[in-house]
Amino acid sequence: MSRGTIAILGILILIVLMGGCSYNGLVSQDESVKTAWAKVQSDYQRRADLIPNLVNTVKGAANFEQKTLTDVINARANATSIKFTADQLTPENIQKFQEAQAQLNGSLSRLMAVAENYPQLKANENFRDLQAQIEGTENRIKVSRNDFNDAVQVYNKKVRSFPTNLLAGIFGFPAKAYFEADAGADKAPKVEF
């Protein structure tokens, strides 16, 4: 073999090896995004699981507007009905998911505000425990969303960087959508009694 042929074969082997590493890196980052998304869903499911207990505690300790409880129950049902996999992380799907979660957040906020008007409910140990669980869950959701966005950022950087972007296009690794703040989240909520 001539030196030119050996050099060309060496370059081709190097390109194949680099392409394989890039592909494996894309797979690894894609799996990181899927794992982060699964954690987000898990934390939202935890919240959805806590809501029936909170509603039952409030029902048992206070007699107030039935519409508030109905809104929470309906919002929870709507929020848990929206399901899709990490492979379906389109901006539209994330928007639908966020809208359903925002509706649930609003219902929970109204429930907590109503609970503030019932001293016997606020003093109820079960209610306080559940309220603490929901606060902790909301914090977990925030952390999971941030972790998800971090994973998406790393993945999207890799998918969009040259020369990996060529392989990403060939092997079907599209950019993923981020979680974004709900509309109006930049304004502090008003609490009135």
N, C-alpha and C. Protein backbone atom coordinates (compact mmCIF):
# COMPACT_ATOMS: atom_id res chain seq x y z
N MET A 1 0.84 -1.18 0.00
CA MET A 1 0.00 0.00 0.00
C MET A 1 0.88 1.24 0.00
N SER A 2 0.37 2.22 -0.64
CA SER A 2 1.12 3.47 -0.69
C SER A 2 0.81 4.31 0.53
N ARG A 3 1.67 5.27 0.75
CA ARG A 3 1.49 6.16 1.90
C ARG A 3 0.18 6.95 1.79
N GLY A 4 -0.19 7.34 0.59
CA GLY A 4 -1.42 8.09 0.37
C GLY A 4 -2.65 7.28 0.74
N THR A 5 -2.66 5.99 0.36
CA THR A 5 -3.77 5.11 0.67
C THR A 5 -3.87 4.90 2.19
N ILE A 6 -2.73 4.70 2.82
CA ILE A 6 -2.70 4.51 4.27
C ILE A 6 -3.21 5.78 4.97
N ALA A 7 -2.78 6.93 4.46
CA ALA A 7 -3.22 8.20 5.06
C ALA A 7 -4.73 8.37 4.91
N ILE A 8 -5.27 8.05 3.74
CA ILE A 8 -6.72 8.17 3.50
C ILE A 8 -7.49 7.20 4.39
N LEU A 9 -7.00 5.96 4.49
CA LEU A 9 -7.65 4.98 5.38
C LEU A 9 -7.59 5.46 6.83
N GLY A 10 -6.46 5.99 7.23
CA GLY A 10 -6.33 6.51 8.59
C GLY A 10 -7.31 7.63 8.87
N ILE A 11 -7.47 8.54 7.91
CA ILE A 11 -8.41 9.66 8.07
C ILE A 11 -9.85 9.14 8.14
N LEU A 12 -10.18 8.18 7.28
CA LEU A 12 -11.53 7.60 7.29
C LEU A 12 -11.81 6.90 8.62
N ILE A 13 -10.86 6.15 9.11
CA ILE A 13 -11.03 5.47 10.40
C ILE A 13 -11.21 6.50 11.52
N LEU A 14 -10.42 7.56 11.47
CA LEU A 14 -10.54 8.62 12.47
C LEU A 14 -11.91 9.29 12.41
N ILE A 15 -12.42 9.54 11.21
CA ILE A 15 -13.75 10.15 11.05
C ILE A 15 -14.83 9.23 11.59
N VAL A 16 -14.73 7.94 11.29
CA VAL A 16 -15.72 6.97 11.79
C VAL A 16 -15.68 6.91 13.32
N LEU A 17 -14.49 6.88 13.90
CA LEU A 17 -14.37 6.83 15.36
C LEU A 17 -14.93 8.10 16.00
N MET A 18 -14.62 9.26 15.42
CA MET A 18 -15.14 10.51 15.96
C MET A 18 -16.65 10.59 15.83
N GLY A 19 -17.17 10.09 14.69
CA GLY A 19 -18.62 10.05 14.50
C GLY A 19 -19.29 9.14 15.51
N GLY A 20 -18.67 8.01 15.78
CA GLY A 20 -19.21 7.08 16.79
C GLY A 20 -19.22 7.70 18.16
N CYS A 21 -18.17 8.42 18.50
CA CYS A 21 -18.12 9.10 19.81
C CYS A 21 -19.19 10.18 19.88
N SER A 22 -19.36 10.93 18.80
CA SER A 22 -20.38 11.97 18.78
C SER A 22 -21.77 11.36 18.92
N TYR A 23 -22.02 10.26 18.21
CA TYR A 23 -23.31 9.60 18.28
C TYR A 23 -23.57 9.11 19.70
N ASN A 24 -22.57 8.46 20.29
CA ASN A 24 -22.73 7.97 21.66
C ASN A 24 -22.96 9.12 22.64
N GLY A 25 -22.29 10.24 22.41
CA GLY A 25 -22.51 11.42 23.24
C GLY A 25 -23.93 11.94 23.11
N LEU A 26 -24.46 11.94 21.88
CA LEU A 26 -25.85 12.37 21.67
C LEU A 26 -26.82 11.45 22.40
N VAL A 27 -26.58 10.16 22.31
CA VAL A 27 -27.44 9.19 22.99
C VAL A 27 -27.38 9.43 24.50
N SER A 28 -26.19 9.65 25.02
CA SER A 28 -26.03 9.89 26.46
C SER A 28 -26.77 11.14 26.89
N GLN A 29 -26.62 12.22 26.14
CA GLN A 29 -27.30 13.46 26.49
C GLN A 29 -28.82 13.33 26.34
N ASP A 30 -29.27 12.62 25.31
CA ASP A 30 -30.70 12.39 25.12
C ASP A 30 -31.27 11.63 26.31
N GLU A 31 -30.54 10.63 26.78
CA GLU A 31 -30.99 9.88 27.95
C GLU A 31 -31.01 10.76 29.21
N SER A 32 -30.07 11.69 29.33
CA SER A 32 -30.06 12.61 30.46
C SER A 32 -31.31 13.48 30.44
N VAL A 33 -31.70 13.94 29.25
CA VAL A 33 -32.93 14.75 29.13
C VAL A 33 -34.14 13.90 29.51
N LYS A 34 -34.19 12.66 29.03
CA LYS A 34 -35.31 11.78 29.36
C LYS A 34 -35.40 11.52 30.86
N THR A 35 -34.26 11.32 31.49
CA THR A 35 -34.23 11.11 32.94
C THR A 35 -34.71 12.34 33.69
N ALA A 36 -34.24 13.50 33.25
CA ALA A 36 -34.67 14.75 33.90
C ALA A 36 -36.17 14.95 33.72
N TRP A 37 -36.70 14.62 32.55
CA TRP A 37 -38.14 14.75 32.31
C TRP A 37 -38.92 13.79 33.20
N ALA A 38 -38.42 12.58 33.36
CA ALA A 38 -39.08 11.61 34.23
C ALA A 38 -39.13 12.12 35.67
N LYS A 39 -38.09 12.80 36.11
CA LYS A 39 -38.09 13.36 37.47
C LYS A 39 -39.11 14.48 37.59
N VAL A 40 -39.23 15.30 36.56
CA VAL A 40 -40.25 16.37 36.57
C VAL A 40 -41.63 15.73 36.71
N GLN A 41 -41.90 14.73 35.88
CA GLN A 41 -43.20 14.06 35.94
C GLN A 41 -43.44 13.40 37.29
N SER A 42 -42.40 12.82 37.85
CA SER A 42 -42.52 12.17 39.15
C SER A 42 -42.90 13.19 40.24
N ASP A 43 -42.27 14.35 40.21
CA ASP A 43 -42.59 15.36 41.22
C ASP A 43 -44.00 15.92 41.02
N TYR A 44 -44.41 16.10 39.78
CA TYR A 44 -45.79 16.55 39.55
C TYR A 44 -46.78 15.47 39.99
N GLN A 45 -46.43 14.20 39.78
CA GLN A 45 -47.30 13.12 40.22
C GLN A 45 -47.40 13.09 41.75
N ARG A 46 -46.29 13.36 42.41
CA ARG A 46 -46.30 13.42 43.87
C ARG A 46 -47.29 14.47 44.35
N ARG A 47 -47.26 15.64 43.69
CA ARG A 47 -48.20 16.70 44.05
C ARG A 47 -49.63 16.25 43.80
N ALA A 48 -49.87 15.63 42.64
CA ALA A 48 -51.22 15.18 42.32
C ALA A 48 -51.71 14.13 43.32
N ASP A 49 -50.80 13.32 43.81
CA ASP A 49 -51.18 12.31 44.80
C ASP A 49 -51.50 12.94 46.16
N LEU A 50 -50.85 14.04 46.49
CA LEU A 50 -51.11 14.70 47.77
C LEU A 50 -52.43 15.47 47.80
N ILE A 51 -52.86 15.93 46.64
CA ILE A 51 -54.04 16.79 46.59
C ILE A 51 -55.30 16.14 47.15
N PRO A 52 -55.62 14.89 46.82
CA PRO A 52 -56.83 14.29 47.42
C PRO A 52 -56.77 14.29 48.95
N ASN A 53 -55.59 14.05 49.51
CA ASN A 53 -55.47 14.07 50.97
C ASN A 53 -55.71 15.47 51.52
N LEU A 54 -55.18 16.46 50.85
CA LEU A 54 -55.39 17.84 51.28
C LEU A 54 -56.86 18.20 51.19
N VAL A 55 -57.49 17.87 50.07
CA VAL A 55 -58.91 18.19 49.90
C VAL A 55 -59.74 17.49 50.96
N ASN A 56 -59.47 16.23 51.24
CA ASN A 56 -60.23 15.51 52.27
C ASN A 56 -60.02 16.10 53.66
N THR A 57 -58.80 16.55 53.94
CA THR A 57 -58.52 17.18 55.22
C THR A 57 -59.29 18.48 55.35
N VAL A 58 -59.27 19.26 54.29
CA VAL A 58 -59.99 20.54 54.30
C VAL A 58 -61.49 20.29 54.41
N LYS A 59 -62.00 19.32 53.69
CA LYS A 59 -63.43 18.98 53.77
C LYS A 59 -63.82 18.62 55.20
N GLY A 60 -62.97 17.83 55.83
CA GLY A 60 -63.29 17.36 57.17
C GLY A 60 -63.19 18.45 58.22
N ALA A 61 -62.37 19.46 58.01
CA ALA A 61 -62.13 20.46 59.04
C ALA A 61 -62.86 21.78 58.81
N ALA A 62 -63.37 22.01 57.62
CA ALA A 62 -64.00 23.30 57.33
C ALA A 62 -65.21 23.09 56.42
N ASN A 63 -66.17 23.95 56.61
CA ASN A 63 -67.35 23.92 55.76
C ASN A 63 -67.34 25.22 54.97
N PHE A 64 -66.85 25.17 53.74
CA PHE A 64 -66.78 26.39 52.95
C PHE A 64 -67.17 26.10 51.51
N GLU A 65 -67.01 27.05 50.69
CA GLU A 65 -67.42 27.03 49.30
C GLU A 65 -67.02 25.74 48.58
N GLN A 66 -68.01 25.00 48.13
CA GLN A 66 -67.77 23.73 47.45
C GLN A 66 -67.06 23.94 46.12
N LYS A 67 -67.26 25.07 45.48
CA LYS A 67 -66.64 25.36 44.18
C LYS A 67 -65.11 25.29 44.27
N THR A 68 -64.53 25.75 45.36
CA THR A 68 -63.08 25.71 45.51
C THR A 68 -62.57 24.28 45.47
N LEU A 69 -63.24 23.40 46.20
CA LEU A 69 -62.83 21.99 46.19
C LEU A 69 -63.03 21.36 44.81
N THR A 70 -64.15 21.68 44.19
CA THR A 70 -64.43 21.14 42.86
C THR A 70 -63.39 21.61 41.86
N ASP A 71 -62.99 22.89 41.94
CA ASP A 71 -61.96 23.42 41.05
C ASP A 71 -60.63 22.68 41.23
N VAL A 72 -60.27 22.41 42.48
CA VAL A 72 -59.02 21.70 42.74
C VAL A 72 -59.09 20.28 42.18
N ILE A 73 -60.18 19.61 42.41
CA ILE A 73 -60.34 18.23 41.93
C ILE A 73 -60.30 18.19 40.40
N ASN A 74 -61.02 19.12 39.75
CA ASN A 74 -61.03 19.16 38.28
C ASN A 74 -59.66 19.52 37.72
N ALA A 75 -58.99 20.48 38.35
CA ALA A 75 -57.66 20.88 37.87
C ALA A 75 -56.67 19.73 38.02
N ARG A 76 -56.78 18.97 39.10
CA ARG A 76 -55.90 17.82 39.29
C ARG A 76 -56.15 16.78 38.21
N ALA A 77 -57.44 16.52 37.92
CA ALA A 77 -57.77 15.54 36.89
C ALA A 77 -57.22 15.98 35.53
N ASN A 78 -57.35 17.26 35.22
CA ASN A 78 -56.83 17.78 33.95
C ASN A 78 -55.30 17.67 33.90
N ALA A 79 -54.64 18.03 35.00
CA ALA A 79 -53.18 18.02 35.04
C ALA A 79 -52.63 16.60 34.90
N THR A 80 -53.31 15.63 35.48
CA THR A 80 -52.80 14.25 35.41
C THR A 80 -53.19 13.57 34.11
N SER A 81 -54.08 14.16 33.32
CA SER A 81 -54.49 13.54 32.06
C SER A 81 -53.52 13.83 30.92
N ILE A 82 -52.68 14.85 31.07
CA ILE A 82 -51.73 15.21 30.01
C ILE A 82 -50.45 14.43 30.22
N LYS A 83 -50.24 13.49 29.32
CA LYS A 83 -49.05 12.63 29.43
C LYS A 83 -48.40 12.52 28.06
N PHE A 84 -47.09 12.60 28.04
CA PHE A 84 -46.32 12.34 26.84
C PHE A 84 -44.92 11.96 27.26
N THR A 85 -44.20 11.33 26.34
CA THR A 85 -42.87 10.83 26.66
C THR A 85 -41.82 11.90 26.37
N ALA A 86 -40.61 11.62 26.81
CA ALA A 86 -39.50 12.56 26.58
C ALA A 86 -39.20 12.72 25.10
N ASP A 87 -39.58 11.75 24.29
CA ASP A 87 -39.38 11.88 22.85
C ASP A 87 -40.35 12.87 22.22
N GLN A 88 -41.38 13.25 22.96
CA GLN A 88 -42.40 14.18 22.46
C GLN A 88 -42.27 15.55 23.11
N LEU A 89 -41.06 15.95 23.47
CA LEU A 89 -40.83 17.23 24.14
C LEU A 89 -40.81 18.38 23.14
N THR A 90 -41.97 18.63 22.57
CA THR A 90 -42.10 19.76 21.65
C THR A 90 -42.54 20.98 22.45
N PRO A 91 -42.30 22.17 21.94
CA PRO A 91 -42.79 23.37 22.65
C PRO A 91 -44.29 23.32 22.90
N GLU A 92 -45.05 22.79 21.95
CA GLU A 92 -46.51 22.72 22.10
C GLU A 92 -46.89 21.79 23.25
N ASN A 93 -46.27 20.61 23.33
CA ASN A 93 -46.59 19.67 24.40
C ASN A 93 -46.19 20.22 25.77
N ILE A 94 -45.03 20.85 25.85
CA ILE A 94 -44.62 21.43 27.12
C ILE A 94 -45.57 22.56 27.51
N GLN A 95 -46.03 23.34 26.53
CA GLN A 95 -46.98 24.42 26.81
C GLN A 95 -48.29 23.86 27.37
N LYS A 96 -48.82 22.78 26.76
CA LYS A 96 -50.05 22.15 27.26
C LYS A 96 -49.86 21.67 28.70
N PHE A 97 -48.71 21.03 28.93
CA PHE A 97 -48.40 20.51 30.27
C PHE A 97 -48.35 21.66 31.27
N GLN A 98 -47.64 22.74 30.91
CA GLN A 98 -47.50 23.88 31.82
C GLN A 98 -48.85 24.55 32.08
N GLU A 99 -49.70 24.66 31.06
CA GLU A 99 -51.01 25.28 31.24
C GLU A 99 -51.85 24.48 32.24
N ALA A 100 -51.83 23.17 32.12
CA ALA A 100 -52.59 22.33 33.05
C ALA A 100 -52.04 22.46 34.47
N GLN A 101 -50.71 22.49 34.60
CA GLN A 101 -50.10 22.64 35.92
C GLN A 101 -50.39 24.03 36.49
N ALA A 102 -50.43 25.05 35.66
CA ALA A 102 -50.74 26.41 36.12
C ALA A 102 -52.18 26.48 36.64
N GLN A 103 -53.08 25.80 35.96
CA GLN A 103 -54.47 25.76 36.42
C GLN A 103 -54.55 25.10 37.80
N LEU A 104 -53.80 24.03 37.97
CA LEU A 104 -53.76 23.35 39.26
C LEU A 104 -53.14 24.24 40.33
N ASN A 105 -52.06 24.95 39.98
CA ASN A 105 -51.44 25.89 40.92
C ASN A 105 -52.44 26.94 41.39
N GLY A 106 -53.21 27.48 40.45
CA GLY A 106 -54.21 28.50 40.79
C GLY A 106 -55.26 27.95 41.73
N SER A 107 -55.73 26.74 41.47
CA SER A 107 -56.74 26.13 42.33
C SER A 107 -56.19 25.87 43.73
N LEU A 108 -54.95 25.40 43.79
CA LEU A 108 -54.33 25.17 45.10
C LEU A 108 -54.14 26.48 45.86
N SER A 109 -53.76 27.53 45.15
CA SER A 109 -53.59 28.84 45.79
C SER A 109 -54.91 29.32 46.39
N ARG A 110 -56.00 29.16 45.63
CA ARG A 110 -57.31 29.56 46.15
C ARG A 110 -57.69 28.71 47.36
N LEU A 111 -57.37 27.42 47.31
CA LEU A 111 -57.67 26.54 48.44
C LEU A 111 -56.89 26.98 49.67
N MET A 112 -55.62 27.30 49.51
CA MET A 112 -54.80 27.76 50.63
C MET A 112 -55.31 29.10 51.17
N ALA A 113 -55.73 29.99 50.27
CA ALA A 113 -56.25 31.29 50.70
C ALA A 113 -57.54 31.11 51.50
N VAL A 114 -58.40 30.22 51.04
CA VAL A 114 -59.64 29.96 51.78
C VAL A 114 -59.30 29.36 53.14
N ALA A 115 -58.32 28.48 53.16
CA ALA A 115 -57.93 27.84 54.42
C ALA A 115 -57.43 28.87 55.43
N GLU A 116 -56.80 29.95 54.95
CA GLU A 116 -56.32 31.00 55.85
C GLU A 116 -57.47 31.63 56.63
N ASN A 117 -58.66 31.61 56.08
CA ASN A 117 -59.82 32.23 56.73
C ASN A 117 -60.47 31.31 57.76
N TYR A 118 -59.95 30.11 57.90
CA TYR A 118 -60.53 29.16 58.85
C TYR A 118 -59.48 28.79 59.90
N PRO A 119 -59.47 29.50 61.04
CA PRO A 119 -58.45 29.26 62.06
C PRO A 119 -58.40 27.81 62.54
N GLN A 120 -59.57 27.16 62.66
CA GLN A 120 -59.56 25.77 63.12
C GLN A 120 -58.88 24.86 62.10
N LEU A 121 -58.95 25.22 60.82
CA LEU A 121 -58.28 24.44 59.80
C LEU A 121 -56.77 24.67 59.85
N LYS A 122 -56.37 25.94 59.99
CA LYS A 122 -54.95 26.25 60.08
C LYS A 122 -54.31 25.55 61.27
N ALA A 123 -55.06 25.42 62.35
CA ALA A 123 -54.53 24.80 63.56
C ALA A 123 -54.51 23.28 63.46
N ASN A 124 -55.23 22.73 62.50
CA ASN A 124 -55.30 21.28 62.35
C ASN A 124 -53.93 20.73 61.96
N GLU A 125 -53.44 19.82 62.76
CA GLU A 125 -52.10 19.27 62.54
C GLU A 125 -51.99 18.55 61.20
N ASN A 126 -53.04 17.83 60.82
CA ASN A 126 -53.01 17.13 59.52
C ASN A 126 -52.89 18.12 58.38
N PHE A 127 -53.64 19.21 58.48
CA PHE A 127 -53.57 20.21 57.41
C PHE A 127 -52.19 20.83 57.34
N ARG A 128 -51.63 21.15 58.50
CA ARG A 128 -50.29 21.74 58.50
C ARG A 128 -49.26 20.79 57.91
N ASP A 129 -49.39 19.51 58.23
CA ASP A 129 -48.46 18.52 57.68
C ASP A 129 -48.60 18.43 56.16
N LEU A 130 -49.84 18.39 55.70
CA LEU A 130 -50.06 18.32 54.26
C LEU A 130 -49.59 19.59 53.56
N GLN A 131 -49.81 20.73 54.19
CA GLN A 131 -49.35 21.98 53.62
C GLN A 131 -47.82 21.97 53.50
N ALA A 132 -47.15 21.47 54.52
CA ALA A 132 -45.69 21.37 54.47
C ALA A 132 -45.25 20.40 53.37
N GLN A 133 -46.00 19.30 53.20
CA GLN A 133 -45.68 18.35 52.13
C GLN A 133 -45.84 19.01 50.76
N ILE A 134 -46.89 19.79 50.60
CA ILE A 134 -47.11 20.46 49.31
C ILE A 134 -46.02 21.50 49.07
N GLU A 135 -45.64 22.24 50.10
CA GLU A 135 -44.55 23.21 49.94
C GLU A 135 -43.26 22.50 49.54
N GLY A 136 -42.98 21.39 50.20
CA GLY A 136 -41.79 20.62 49.84
C GLY A 136 -41.86 20.08 48.42
N THR A 137 -43.04 19.64 48.03
CA THR A 137 -43.23 19.13 46.67
C THR A 137 -43.04 20.23 45.65
N GLU A 138 -43.57 21.43 45.94
CA GLU A 138 -43.39 22.55 45.01
C GLU A 138 -41.90 22.87 44.86
N ASN A 139 -41.17 22.78 45.96
CA ASN A 139 -39.72 23.01 45.87
C ASN A 139 -39.04 21.93 45.02
N ARG A 140 -39.48 20.68 45.19
CA ARG A 140 -38.93 19.59 44.38
C ARG A 140 -39.22 19.82 42.90
N ILE A 141 -40.44 20.27 42.61
CA ILE A 141 -40.82 20.53 41.22
C ILE A 141 -39.91 21.60 40.64
N LYS A 142 -39.66 22.65 41.40
CA LYS A 142 -38.78 23.73 40.93
C LYS A 142 -37.39 23.18 40.62
N VAL A 143 -36.86 22.38 41.53
CA VAL A 143 -35.52 21.81 41.33
C VAL A 143 -35.53 20.89 40.11
N SER A 144 -36.57 20.07 39.97
CA SER A 144 -36.64 19.15 38.83
C SER A 144 -36.73 19.91 37.51
N ARG A 145 -37.51 20.99 37.50
CA ARG A 145 -37.62 21.78 36.26
C ARG A 145 -36.27 22.42 35.92
N ASN A 146 -35.57 22.92 36.94
CA ASN A 146 -34.25 23.51 36.70
C ASN A 146 -33.27 22.44 36.19
N ASP A 147 -33.30 21.26 36.80
CA ASP A 147 -32.43 20.17 36.35
C ASP A 147 -32.77 19.77 34.92
N PHE A 148 -34.06 19.74 34.62
CA PHE A 148 -34.49 19.41 33.26
C PHE A 148 -33.95 20.44 32.27
N ASN A 149 -34.12 21.71 32.59
CA ASN A 149 -33.62 22.75 31.69
C ASN A 149 -32.10 22.69 31.54
N ASP A 150 -31.40 22.34 32.61
CA ASP A 150 -29.94 22.18 32.51
C ASP A 150 -29.59 21.03 31.56
N ALA A 151 -30.31 19.92 31.68
CA ALA A 151 -30.06 18.76 30.81
C ALA A 151 -30.39 19.11 29.36
N VAL A 152 -31.48 19.85 29.14
CA VAL A 152 -31.84 20.26 27.79
C VAL A 152 -30.78 21.20 27.22
N GLN A 153 -30.25 22.09 28.05
CA GLN A 153 -29.23 23.02 27.58
C GLN A 153 -27.98 22.27 27.10
N VAL A 154 -27.52 21.31 27.89
CA VAL A 154 -26.34 20.54 27.51
C VAL A 154 -26.61 19.76 26.23
N TYR A 155 -27.77 19.14 26.17
CA TYR A 155 -28.15 18.37 24.98
C TYR A 155 -28.24 19.27 23.75
N ASN A 156 -28.97 20.39 23.88
CA ASN A 156 -29.15 21.29 22.73
C ASN A 156 -27.82 21.88 22.25
N LYS A 157 -26.91 22.17 23.19
CA LYS A 157 -25.59 22.65 22.79
C LYS A 157 -24.89 21.61 21.92
N LYS A 158 -24.98 20.38 22.35
CA LYS A 158 -24.31 19.30 21.62
C LYS A 158 -24.97 19.10 20.25
N VAL A 159 -26.30 19.11 20.21
CA VAL A 159 -27.04 18.89 18.97
C VAL A 159 -26.78 20.01 17.97
N ARG A 160 -26.57 21.21 18.46
CA ARG A 160 -26.41 22.36 17.57
C ARG A 160 -24.95 22.67 17.22
N SER A 161 -23.98 22.03 17.87
CA SER A 161 -22.56 22.31 17.64
C SER A 161 -22.04 21.51 16.46
N PHE A 162 -21.17 22.16 15.69
CA PHE A 162 -20.52 21.50 14.56
C PHE A 162 -19.37 20.64 15.07
N PRO A 163 -19.14 19.49 14.60
CA PRO A 163 -19.77 18.74 13.52
C PRO A 163 -20.86 17.80 13.99
N THR A 164 -21.12 17.80 15.30
CA THR A 164 -22.13 16.90 15.85
C THR A 164 -23.51 17.19 15.26
N ASN A 165 -23.77 18.46 14.91
CA ASN A 165 -25.08 18.80 14.35
C ASN A 165 -25.35 18.03 13.06
N LEU A 166 -24.32 17.68 12.32
CA LEU A 166 -24.50 16.89 11.10
C LEU A 166 -25.02 15.50 11.44
N LEU A 167 -24.39 14.87 12.44
CA LEU A 167 -24.84 13.54 12.87
C LEU A 167 -26.21 13.60 13.53
N ALA A 168 -26.46 14.66 14.29
CA ALA A 168 -27.76 14.80 14.95
C ALA A 168 -28.87 14.85 13.92
N GLY A 169 -28.64 15.57 12.83
CA GLY A 169 -29.64 15.64 11.76
C GLY A 169 -29.84 14.30 11.07
N ILE A 170 -28.75 13.61 10.83
CA ILE A 170 -28.81 12.33 10.14
C ILE A 170 -29.53 11.28 10.99
N PHE A 171 -29.22 11.25 12.29
CA PHE A 171 -29.77 10.20 13.17
C PHE A 171 -31.02 10.63 13.93
N GLY A 172 -31.56 11.80 13.63
CA GLY A 172 -32.85 12.20 14.22
C GLY A 172 -32.78 12.62 15.67
N PHE A 173 -31.85 13.48 16.02
CA PHE A 173 -31.75 14.03 17.36
C PHE A 173 -32.12 15.51 17.30
N PRO A 174 -33.42 15.84 17.38
CA PRO A 174 -33.83 17.25 17.31
C PRO A 174 -33.56 17.97 18.63
N ALA A 175 -33.51 19.29 18.57
CA ALA A 175 -33.38 20.09 19.80
C ALA A 175 -34.63 19.88 20.64
N LYS A 176 -34.49 19.96 21.96
CA LYS A 176 -35.60 19.79 22.89
C LYS A 176 -36.09 21.15 23.38
N ALA A 177 -37.33 21.19 23.83
CA ALA A 177 -37.92 22.44 24.34
C ALA A 177 -37.63 22.56 25.83
N TYR A 178 -37.52 23.80 26.29
CA TYR A 178 -37.29 24.11 27.70
C TYR A 178 -38.61 24.32 28.42
N PHE A 179 -38.58 24.17 29.75
CA PHE A 179 -39.67 24.66 30.57
C PHE A 179 -39.53 26.16 30.62
N GLU A 180 -40.62 26.88 30.48
CA GLU A 180 -40.58 28.33 30.57
C GLU A 180 -41.54 28.77 31.66
N ALA A 181 -41.31 29.96 32.17
CA ALA A 181 -42.17 30.50 33.22
C ALA A 181 -43.58 30.70 32.67
N ASP A 182 -44.57 30.52 33.53
CA ASP A 182 -45.96 30.77 33.15
C ASP A 182 -46.14 32.25 32.86
N ALA A 183 -47.09 32.56 32.00
CA ALA A 183 -47.38 33.96 31.70
C ALA A 183 -47.79 34.66 32.99
N GLY A 184 -47.21 35.81 33.23
CA GLY A 184 -47.53 36.58 34.43
C GLY A 184 -46.72 36.18 35.65
N ALA A 185 -45.83 35.22 35.51
CA ALA A 185 -45.03 34.76 36.65
C ALA A 185 -44.03 35.81 37.10
N ASP A 186 -43.80 36.82 36.25
CA ASP A 186 -42.85 37.87 36.60
C ASP A 186 -43.44 38.88 37.59
N LYS A 187 -44.74 38.78 37.85
CA LYS A 187 -45.41 39.67 38.78
C LYS A 187 -45.70 38.93 40.10
N ALA A 188 -45.41 39.56 41.19
CA ALA A 188 -45.65 38.95 42.49
C ALA A 188 -47.16 38.81 42.73
N PRO A 189 -47.60 37.67 43.27
CA PRO A 189 -49.03 37.50 43.53
C PRO A 189 -49.46 38.36 44.71
N LYS A 190 -50.71 38.82 44.68
CA LYS A 190 -51.27 39.60 45.78
C LYS A 190 -51.99 38.65 46.72
N VAL A 191 -51.75 38.84 47.99
CA VAL A 191 -52.45 38.06 49.01
C VAL A 191 -53.33 39.03 49.78
N GLU A 192 -54.63 38.78 49.72
CA GLU A 192 -55.58 39.66 50.41
C GLU A 192 -56.50 38.83 51.28
N PHE A 193 -56.84 39.40 52.42
CA PHE A 193 -57.79 38.73 53.32
C PHE A 193 -58.97 39.63 53.57
